[in-house]
C-alpha atoms as a PDB file:
ATOM      1  CA  MET A   1       0.000   0.000   0.000  1.00  0.00           C
ATOM      2  CA  TYR A   2       2.790   2.427   0.919  1.00  0.00           C
ATOM      3  CA  TYR A   3       4.672   1.511  -2.262  1.00  0.00           C
ATOM      4  CA  GLU A   4       1.571   2.169  -4.379  1.00  0.00           C
ATOM      5  CA  SER A   5       1.009   5.543  -2.729  1.00  0.00           C
ATOM      6  CA  ASN A   6       4.477   6.616  -3.830  1.00  0.00           C
ATOM      7  CA  GLN A   7       4.077   5.626  -7.485  1.00  0.00           C
ATOM      8  CA  LEU A   8       3.308   8.036 -10.299  1.00  0.00           C
ATOM      9  CA  SER A   9       0.267   7.360 -12.452  1.00  0.00           C
ATOM     10  CA  LYS A  10       2.114   8.855 -15.451  1.00  0.00           C
ATOM     11  CA  PRO A  11       5.359  10.738 -16.147  1.00  0.00           C
ATOM     12  CA  LEU A  12       5.453  14.292 -14.821  1.00  0.00           C
ATOM     13  CA  PHE A  13       7.174  16.878 -17.000  1.00  0.00           C
ATOM     14  CA  MET A  14       8.944  19.766 -15.338  1.00  0.00           C
ATOM     15  CA  LYS A  15       8.416  23.387 -16.428  1.00  0.00           C
ATOM     16  CA  HIS A  16      11.036  24.884 -18.744  1.00  0.00           C
ATOM     17  CA  TYR A  17      11.563  28.550 -19.559  1.00  0.00           C
ATOM     18  CA  TYR A  18      13.903  28.813 -22.509  1.00  0.00           C
ATOM     19  CA  GLU A  19      14.570  31.635 -24.934  1.00  0.00           C
ATOM     20  CA  ARG A  20      16.894  30.734 -27.762  1.00  0.00           C
ATOM     21  CA  SER A  21      17.958  32.480 -30.952  1.00  0.00           C
ATOM     22  CA  TRP A  22      19.139  31.421 -34.360  1.00  0.00           C
ATOM     23  CA  HIS A  23      22.273  33.274 -35.366  1.00  0.00           C
ATOM     24  CA  GLU A  24      23.812  33.763 -38.792  1.00  0.00           C
ATOM     25  CA  ASP A  25      25.126  30.187 -39.014  1.00  0.00           C
ATOM     26  CA  TRP A  26      21.518  28.868 -38.632  1.00  0.00           C
ATOM     27  CA  ASN A  27      22.733  25.810 -36.736  1.00  0.00           C
ATOM     28  CA  PRO A  28      19.967  23.678 -35.157  1.00  0.00           C
ATOM     29  CA  ILE A  29      18.956  24.664 -31.641  1.00  0.00           C
ATOM     30  CA  GLN A  30      19.229  21.855 -29.110  1.00  0.00           C
ATOM     31  CA  PHE A  31      17.359  21.931 -25.824  1.00  0.00           C
ATOM     32  CA  ARG A  32      16.514  19.565 -22.994  1.00  0.00           C
ATOM     33  CA  LEU A  33      13.211  18.542 -21.459  1.00  0.00           C
ATOM     34  CA  HIS A  34      13.030  16.823 -18.081  1.00  0.00           C
ATOM     35  CA  TYR A  35      10.437  14.528 -16.582  1.00  0.00           C
ATOM     36  CA  LEU A  36       9.961  12.485 -13.448  1.00  0.00           C
ATOM     37  CA  THR A  37       8.938   8.851 -13.783  1.00  0.00           C
ATOM     38  CA  ASN A  38       8.870   5.706 -11.671  1.00  0.00           C
ATOM     39  CA  LYS A  39      12.244   4.064 -11.275  1.00  0.00           C
ATOM     40  CA  GLY A  40      12.810   1.375 -13.879  1.00  0.00           C
ATOM     41  CA  ASP A  41       9.813   2.406 -15.994  1.00  0.00           C
ATOM     42  CA  PRO A  42      10.371   0.659 -19.375  1.00  0.00           C
ATOM     43  CA  ILE A  43       8.325   3.305 -21.219  1.00  0.00           C
ATOM     44  CA  SER A  44      10.287   6.278 -22.516  1.00  0.00           C
ATOM     45  CA  VAL A  45       9.823   9.155 -24.961  1.00  0.00           C
ATOM     46  CA  ALA A  46       9.768   8.189 -28.638  1.00  0.00           C
ATOM     47  CA  SER A  47       9.245  11.633 -30.161  1.00  0.00           C
ATOM     48  CA  ILE A  48       7.905  15.126 -29.460  1.00  0.00           C
ATOM     49  CA  SER A  49       5.761  17.275 -31.732  1.00  0.00           C
ATOM     50  CA  ILE A  50       3.971  20.628 -31.590  1.00  0.00           C
ATOM     51  CA  PRO A  51       0.154  20.662 -31.293  1.00  0.00           C
ATOM     52  CA  ASP A  52      -1.690  21.935 -34.375  1.00  0.00           C
ATOM     53  CA  LYS A  53       1.479  21.782 -36.469  1.00  0.00           C
ATOM     54  CA  ASP A  54       2.871  18.929 -38.504  1.00  0.00           C
ATOM     55  CA  LEU A  55       6.223  19.633 -36.915  1.00  0.00           C
ATOM     56  CA  HIS A  56       8.364  17.189 -34.942  1.00  0.00           C
ATOM     57  CA  PHE A  57      11.465  17.959 -32.961  1.00  0.00           C
ATOM     58  CA  ARG A  58      14.405  15.774 -33.838  1.00  0.00           C
ATOM     59  CA  HIS A  59      14.894  13.315 -30.961  1.00  0.00           C
ATOM     60  CA  LYS A  60      18.577  13.068 -30.041  1.00  0.00           C
ATOM     61  CA  HIS A  61      18.783  10.929 -26.904  1.00  0.00           C
ATOM     62  CA  GLU A  62      17.315  10.276 -23.473  1.00  0.00           C
ATOM     63  CA  HIS A  63      19.023   9.359 -20.210  1.00  0.00           C
ATOM     64  CA  THR A  64      18.717   9.642 -16.453  1.00  0.00           C
ATOM     65  CA  PHE A  65      19.527  13.230 -15.525  1.00  0.00           C
ATOM     66  CA  GLY A  66      22.828  13.267 -13.660  1.00  0.00           C
ATOM     67  CA  THR A  67      22.558  11.177 -10.499  1.00  0.00           C
ATOM     68  CA  TYR A  68      18.936  12.118  -9.910  1.00  0.00           C
ATOM     69  CA  GLN A  69      17.581   8.736  -8.797  1.00  0.00           C
ATOM     70  CA  TYR A  70      15.379   8.516  -5.755  1.00  0.00           C
ATOM     71  CA  GLN A  71      13.773   5.742  -3.746  1.00  0.00           C
ATOM     72  CA  TYR A  72      10.811   5.362  -6.105  1.00  0.00           C
ATOM     73  CA  GLN A  73      11.450   7.785  -8.980  1.00  0.00           C
ATOM     74  CA  GLU A  74      14.121   8.987 -11.375  1.00  0.00           C
ATOM     75  CA  LEU A  75      14.511  12.245 -13.280  1.00  0.00           C
ATOM     76  CA  ARG A  76      15.087  11.785 -17.009  1.00  0.00           C
ATOM     77  CA  GLU A  77      16.394  14.198 -19.597  1.00  0.00           C
ATOM     78  CA  VAL A  78      15.344  14.198 -23.257  1.00  0.00           C
ATOM     79  CA  MET A  79      17.554  16.053 -25.739  1.00  0.00           C
ATOM     80  CA  VAL A  80      15.791  17.324 -28.854  1.00  0.00           C
ATOM     81  CA  GLU A  81      16.596  19.895 -31.516  1.00  0.00           C
ATOM     82  CA  LEU A  82      14.784  22.173 -33.915  1.00  0.00           C
ATOM     83  CA  ASP A  83      16.243  23.002 -37.308  1.00  0.00           C
ATOM     84  CA  TYR A  84      15.549  26.506 -38.589  1.00  0.00           C
ATOM     85  CA  TYR A  85      14.831  25.309 -42.117  1.00  0.00           C
ATOM     86  CA  THR A  86      12.384  22.673 -40.854  1.00  0.00           C
ATOM     87  CA  TRP A  87      10.507  25.298 -38.837  1.00  0.00           C
ATOM     88  CA  GLY A  88      10.684  27.828 -41.675  1.00  0.00           C
ATOM     89  CA  SER A  89       8.878  25.459 -44.020  1.00  0.00           C
ATOM     90  CA  TYR A  90       5.851  25.553 -41.677  1.00  0.00           C
ATOM     91  CA  ASP A  91       6.027  29.008 -40.101  1.00  0.00           C
ATOM     92  CA  HIS A  92       7.358  32.176 -41.711  1.00  0.00           C
ATOM     93  CA  SER A  93       7.265  34.411 -38.628  1.00  0.00           C
ATOM     94  CA  ASP A  94      10.341  35.573 -36.720  1.00  0.00           C
ATOM     95  CA  GLU A  95       9.320  33.934 -33.442  1.00  0.00           C
ATOM     96  CA  LEU A  96       7.951  30.595 -32.283  1.00  0.00           C
ATOM     97  CA  SER A  97       6.554  30.279 -28.760  1.00  0.00           C
ATOM     98  CA  ILE A  98       5.623  26.871 -27.326  1.00  0.00           C
ATOM     99  CA  GLU A  99       3.789  26.158 -24.080  1.00  0.00           C
ATOM    100  CA  GLU A 100       2.525  22.661 -24.877  1.00  0.00           C
ATOM    101  CA  VAL A 101       3.946  19.721 -26.803  1.00  0.00           C
ATOM    102  CA  ILE A 102       2.640  16.305 -27.770  1.00  0.00           C
ATOM    103  CA  VAL A 103       4.801  13.607 -26.227  1.00  0.00           C
ATOM    104  CA  HIS A 104       4.721  10.275 -28.068  1.00  0.00           C
ATOM    105  CA  PHE A 105       5.769   7.387 -25.809  1.00  0.00           C
ATOM    106  CA  THR A 106       7.367   4.098 -26.783  1.00  0.00           C
ATOM    107  CA  ASP A 107       4.241   2.124 -25.800  1.00  0.00           C
ATOM    108  CA  GLY A 108       2.287   3.904 -28.554  1.00  0.00           C
ATOM    109  CA  SER A 109       0.458   6.323 -26.259  1.00  0.00           C
ATOM    110  CA  LYS A 110       0.666  10.109 -26.529  1.00  0.00           C
ATOM    111  CA  GLU A 111      -0.277  13.041 -24.352  1.00  0.00           C
ATOM    112  CA  VAL A 112      -0.420  16.828 -24.581  1.00  0.00           C
ATOM    113  CA  ILE A 113       2.022  18.128 -21.977  1.00  0.00           C
ATOM    114  CA  SER A 114       2.521  21.605 -20.528  1.00  0.00           C
ATOM    115  CA  VAL A 115       6.259  22.291 -20.581  1.00  0.00           C
ATOM    116  CA  GLY A 116       6.426  25.923 -19.417  1.00  0.00           C
ATOM    117  CA  LYS A 117       7.349  28.361 -22.194  1.00  0.00           C
ATOM    118  CA  ILE A 118       9.986  27.853 -24.864  1.00  0.00           C
ATOM    119  CA  LYS A 119      10.659  30.705 -27.281  1.00  0.00           C
ATOM    120  CA  PHE A 120      12.717  30.621 -30.463  1.00  0.00           C
ATOM    121  CA  ASN A 121      13.513  33.748 -32.425  1.00  0.00           C
ATOM    122  CA  ILE A 122      15.716  35.007 -35.203  1.00  0.00           C
ATOM    123  CA  LYS A 123      16.571  38.432 -33.803  1.00  0.00           C
ATOM    124  CA  ASP A 124      16.966  39.377 -30.175  1.00  0.00           C
ATOM    125  CA  ASP A 125      16.453  43.129 -30.568  1.00  0.00           C
ATOM    126  CA  GLU A 126      15.404  45.196 -33.527  1.00  0.00           C
ATOM    127  CA  GLY A 127      18.058  47.741 -34.454  1.00  0.00           C
ATOM    128  CA  TYR A 128      20.923  46.074 -32.577  1.00  0.00           C
ATOM    129  CA  GLU A 129      23.088  44.476 -35.228  1.00  0.00           C
ATOM    130  CA  GLY A 130      26.340  42.704 -34.600  1.00  0.00           C
ATOM    131  CA  MET A 131      27.509  40.989 -31.450  1.00  0.00           C
ATOM    132  CA  LEU A 132      30.447  41.477 -29.156  1.00  0.00           C
ATOM    133  CA  MET A 133      32.318  38.197 -29.031  1.00  0.00           C
ATOM    134  CA  SER A 134      33.144  36.952 -25.540  1.00  0.00           C
ATOM    135  CA  SER A 135      36.778  36.260 -24.697  1.00  0.00           C
ATOM    136  CA  SER A 136      35.964  33.831 -21.871  1.00  0.00           C
ATOM    137  CA  SER A 137      33.067  32.608 -19.796  1.00  0.00           C
ATOM    138  CA  GLY A 138      32.272  30.117 -17.072  1.00  0.00           C
ATOM    139  CA  SER A 139      29.570  28.884 -14.729  1.00  0.00           C
ATOM    140  CA  SER A 140      29.268  26.894 -11.535  1.00  0.00           C
ATOM    141  CA  SER A 141      26.871  24.360 -10.067  1.00  0.00           C
ATOM    142  CA  ASP A 142      25.718  27.021  -7.587  1.00  0.00           C
ATOM    143  CA  ASN A 143      24.051  28.850 -10.513  1.00  0.00           C
ATOM    144  CA  THR A 144      26.595  31.637 -10.761  1.00  0.00           C
ATOM    145  CA  GLY A 145      28.595  32.524 -13.841  1.00  0.00           C
ATOM    146  CA  TYR A 146      30.475  35.186 -15.745  1.00  0.00           C
ATOM    147  CA  THR A 147      31.197  36.354 -19.286  1.00  0.00           C
ATOM    148  CA  ASN A 148      34.169  38.514 -20.291  1.00  0.00           C
ATOM    149  CA  PHE A 149      34.318  40.785 -23.331  1.00  0.00           C
ATOM    150  CA  SER A 150      37.613  42.364 -24.458  1.00  0.00           C
ATOM    151  CA  LEU A 151      36.839  45.816 -25.823  1.00  0.00           C
ATOM    152  CA  GLU A 152      38.570  47.034 -28.951  1.00  0.00           C
ATOM    153  CA  GLU A 153      36.788  50.393 -28.937  1.00  0.00           C
ATOM    154  CA  SER A 154      35.043  52.667 -26.460  1.00  0.00           C
ATOM    155  CA  ILE A 155      31.393  51.765 -25.841  1.00  0.00           C
ATOM    156  CA  VAL A 156      28.312  52.822 -23.936  1.00  0.00           C
ATOM    157  CA  VAL A 157      26.275  50.086 -22.244  1.00  0.00           C
ATOM    158  CA  GLU A 158      22.716  51.372 -22.566  1.00  0.00           C
ATOM    159  CA  GLY A 159      20.729  48.677 -20.792  1.00  0.00           C
ATOM    160  CA  PHE A 160      19.688  45.034 -20.853  1.00  0.00           C
ATOM    161  CA  HIS A 161      16.660  42.822 -21.194  1.00  0.00           C
ATOM    162  CA  VAL A 162      15.832  39.819 -18.987  1.00  0.00           C
ATOM    163  CA  PRO A 163      13.465  37.223 -20.507  1.00  0.00           C
ATOM    164  CA  PHE A 164      10.772  35.898 -18.153  1.00  0.00           C
ATOM    165  CA  GLN A 165      11.301  38.913 -15.920  1.00  0.00           C
ATOM    166  CA  SER A 166       8.317  38.078 -13.706  1.00  0.00           C
ATOM    167  CA  HIS A 167       9.961  34.768 -12.761  1.00  0.00           C
ATOM    168  CA  LEU A 168      13.473  36.079 -12.242  1.00  0.00           C
ATOM    169  CA  SER A 169      13.151  39.607 -10.843  1.00  0.00           C
ATOM    170  CA  ASP A 170      13.717  38.640  -7.199  1.00  0.00           C
ATOM    171  CA  ALA A 171      16.189  35.831  -7.874  1.00  0.00           C
ATOM    172  CA  LEU A 172      18.638  37.306 -10.393  1.00  0.00           C
ATOM    173  CA  SER A 173      21.602  39.471  -9.455  1.00  0.00           C
ATOM    174  CA  ILE A 174      23.885  41.008 -12.111  1.00  0.00           C
ATOM    175  CA  ARG A 175      27.202  42.808 -11.723  1.00  0.00           C
ATOM    176  CA  ILE A 176      29.249  44.696 -14.304  1.00  0.00           C
ATOM    177  CA  ASN A 177      32.919  44.874 -13.394  1.00  0.00           C
ATOM    178  CA  ASN A 178      32.066  43.970  -9.776  1.00  0.00           C
ATOM    179  CA  GLU A 179      29.384  46.655  -9.420  1.00  0.00           C
ATOM    180  CA  GLU A 180      25.835  45.414  -8.887  1.00  0.00           C
ATOM    181  CA  ILE A 181      23.504  46.918 -11.472  1.00  0.00           C
ATOM    182  CA  ASN A 182      19.786  47.315 -12.146  1.00  0.00           C
ATOM    183  CA  TYR A 183      17.691  48.980 -14.834  1.00  0.00           C
ATOM    184  CA  ASN A 184      18.541  52.432 -13.406  1.00  0.00           C
ATOM    185  CA  SER A 185      22.322  51.935 -13.607  1.00  0.00           C
ATOM    186  CA  PHE A 186      22.685  53.008 -17.231  1.00  0.00           C
ATOM    187  CA  PRO A 187      24.293  54.384 -19.311  1.00  0.00           C
ATOM    188  CA  ILE A 188      27.736  52.993 -18.440  1.00  0.00           C
ATOM    189  CA  THR A 189      30.671  54.255 -20.504  1.00  0.00           C
ATOM    190  CA  MET A 190      33.751  52.067 -20.974  1.00  0.00           C
ATOM    191  CA  GLU A 191      37.018  52.823 -22.710  1.00  0.00           C
ATOM    192  CA  ASP A 192      38.700  50.680 -25.322  1.00  0.00           C
ATOM    193  CA  SER A 193      41.172  48.079 -24.055  1.00  0.00           C
ATOM    194  CA  GLN A 194      39.047  47.690 -20.909  1.00  0.00           C
ATOM    195  CA  LEU A 195      37.590  44.336 -19.934  1.00  0.00           C
ATOM    196  CA  LEU A 196      33.794  44.185 -19.745  1.00  0.00           C
ATOM    197  CA  ARG A 197      32.997  41.499 -17.176  1.00  0.00           C
ATOM    198  CA  ILE A 198      29.378  40.544 -16.495  1.00  0.00           C
ATOM    199  CA  ASP A 199      28.665  38.269 -13.513  1.00  0.00           C
ATOM    200  CA  TYR A 200      25.325  36.762 -12.583  1.00  0.00           C
ATOM    201  CA  SER A 201      23.866  34.882  -9.652  1.00  0.00           C
ATOM    202  CA  LEU A 202      20.492  33.129  -9.725  1.00  0.00           C
ATOM    203  CA  SER A 203      18.974  31.885  -6.488  1.00  0.00           C
ATOM    204  CA  PHE A 204      15.454  30.759  -5.603  1.00  0.00           C
ATOM    205  CA  LYS A 205      14.085  29.605  -2.274  1.00  0.00           C
ATOM    206  CA  GLU A 206      13.145  25.912  -2.312  1.00  0.00           C
ATOM    207  CA  ASP A 207       9.561  26.676  -1.264  1.00  0.00           C
ATOM    208  CA  GLU A 208       9.076  28.975  -4.287  1.00  0.00           C
ATOM    209  CA  GLU A 209       7.533  27.385  -7.380  1.00  0.00           C
ATOM    210  CA  PRO A 210      10.184  28.772  -9.823  1.00  0.00           C
ATOM    211  CA  TYR A 211      12.801  26.788  -7.872  1.00  0.00           C
ATOM    212  CA  GLN A 212      11.499  23.650  -9.637  1.00  0.00           C
ATOM    213  CA  HIS A 213      11.776  25.154 -13.146  1.00  0.00           C
ATOM    214  CA  PHE A 214      14.595  24.901 -15.678  1.00  0.00           C
ATOM    215  CA  TYR A 215      15.879  28.095 -17.306  1.00  0.00           C
ATOM    216  CA  GLU A 216      18.055  28.573 -20.388  1.00  0.00           C
ATOM    217  CA  ILE A 217      18.104  32.172 -21.502  1.00  0.00           C
ATOM    218  CA  GLU A 218      20.274  34.758 -23.189  1.00  0.00           C
ATOM    219  CA  ILE A 219      20.354  38.230 -21.649  1.00  0.00           C
ATOM    220  CA  PRO A 220      21.187  40.813 -24.333  1.00  0.00           C
ATOM    221  CA  PHE A 221      23.068  43.895 -23.159  1.00  0.00           C
ATOM    222  CA  HIS A 222      22.443  46.836 -25.507  1.00  0.00           C
ATOM    223  CA  ILE A 223      25.615  48.623 -26.507  1.00  0.00           C
ATOM    224  CA  SER A 224      26.474  51.518 -28.791  1.00  0.00           C
ATOM    225  CA  THR A 225      29.856  52.692 -30.049  1.00  0.00           C
ATOM    226  CA  LEU A 226      30.915  56.327 -30.026  1.00  0.00           C
ATOM    227  CA  GLU A 227      30.088  56.369 -33.745  1.00  0.00           C
ATOM    228  CA  GLY A 228      26.520  55.346 -32.951  1.00  0.00           C
ATOM    229  CA  GLU A 229      26.709  51.748 -34.176  1.00  0.00           C
ATOM    230  CA  LYS A 230      24.564  49.298 -32.235  1.00  0.00           C
ATOM    231  CA  ARG A 231      25.912  46.092 -30.719  1.00  0.00           C
ATOM    232  CA  THR A 232      24.661  43.315 -28.462  1.00  0.00           C
ATOM    233  CA  ALA A 233      26.625  41.483 -25.764  1.00  0.00           C
ATOM    234  CA  ASN A 234      24.825  38.232 -24.932  1.00  0.00           C
ATOM    235  CA  VAL A 235      25.173  36.533 -21.555  1.00  0.00           C
ATOM    236  CA  THR A 236      23.887  32.953 -21.354  1.00  0.00           C
ATOM    237  CA  ILE A 237      22.287  31.740 -18.124  1.00  0.00           C
ATOM    238  CA  ASN A 238      21.438  28.105 -17.414  1.00  0.00           C
ATOM    239  CA  TYR A 239      19.600  27.201 -14.232  1.00  0.00           C
ATOM    240  CA  GLN A 240      19.009  23.629 -13.085  1.00  0.00           C
ATOM    241  CA  PRO A 241      17.124  23.032  -9.833  1.00  0.00           C
ATOM    242  CA  TYR A 242      18.293  20.595  -7.203  1.00  0.00           C
ATOM    243  CA  PHE A 243      15.557  18.110  -6.358  1.00  0.00           C
ATOM    244  CA  SER A 244      15.907  16.846  -2.816  1.00  0.00           C
ATOM    245  CA  ASP A 245      14.181  13.632  -1.701  1.00  0.00           C
ATOM    246  CA  SER A 246      11.668  15.661   0.294  1.00  0.00           C
ATOM    247  CA  LEU A 247      10.870  17.848  -2.724  1.00  0.00           C
ATOM    248  CA  ILE A 248      10.347  14.778  -4.916  1.00  0.00           C
ATOM    249  CA  ARG A 249       7.928  13.340  -2.343  1.00  0.00           C
ATOM    250  CA  GLU A 250       6.081  16.669  -2.286  1.00  0.00           C
ATOM    251  CA  ILE A 251       5.819  16.758  -6.102  1.00  0.00           C
ATOM    252  CA  VAL A 252       4.535  13.185  -6.225  1.00  0.00           C
ATOM    253  CA  ALA A 253       1.959  13.919  -3.522  1.00  0.00           C
ATOM    254  CA  GLU A 254       0.694  17.077  -5.256  1.00  0.00           C
ATOM    255  CA  ARG A 255       0.835  16.099  -8.932  1.00  0.00           C
ATOM    256  CA  GLY A 256       1.112  12.430  -9.537  1.00  0.00           C
ATOM    257  CA  GLN A 257      -0.137   9.825  -7.083  1.00  0.00           C
ATOM    258  CA  ARG A 258      -1.958   6.800  -8.458  1.00  0.00           C
END
């Protein structure tokens, strides 16, 4: 009886908030979806498609996510990709936003699943052409990271845009050259040969719902040169929650008991 009460009636997909862009090379965009299932469940994901569109993501692989195995469940990760030319043959707009997908399972069943919000676009910001190339970057398992840009000319940092602002406003901290910044910190002028270093820290409380979500976003910093040319410096942020045993039990109790 206790074992049955701790089993999921069906896989539970986590919420994902991704914003990804195609750049000039038009390489396929890969992204990961995560779901919780009973340990040893022989049924897995066969393919994923978009409702109301004859459009399938290319299924790359599936595996247990890291070491995330629990007493009764395991967290799995599915890697899929979307090719720009495949999407372009069905949709000629500059942006694709997905909140639901159809998951086709290996037992022949399928289900419409809410996955959060995944946005694909061609341009980040109208009027900002050209990107500053980073000279180095890094991130840590504590959801902090940095990106360095070596400046070859003087610039003015005019501002930045955070996707999914309502989710991240209280959790995201950003510093430019060790000074914490917000939307009122601009403009910031920097001389050529200086190093532009952008650090971030992302931290949620475990009892907040966004703690359970996955985030993969690019934050564009809007930059202009002294000649008035527009540039973008992109900082990539990846957030992966840590699922404790107690949190898994709570999720199963709220969303998925048989």
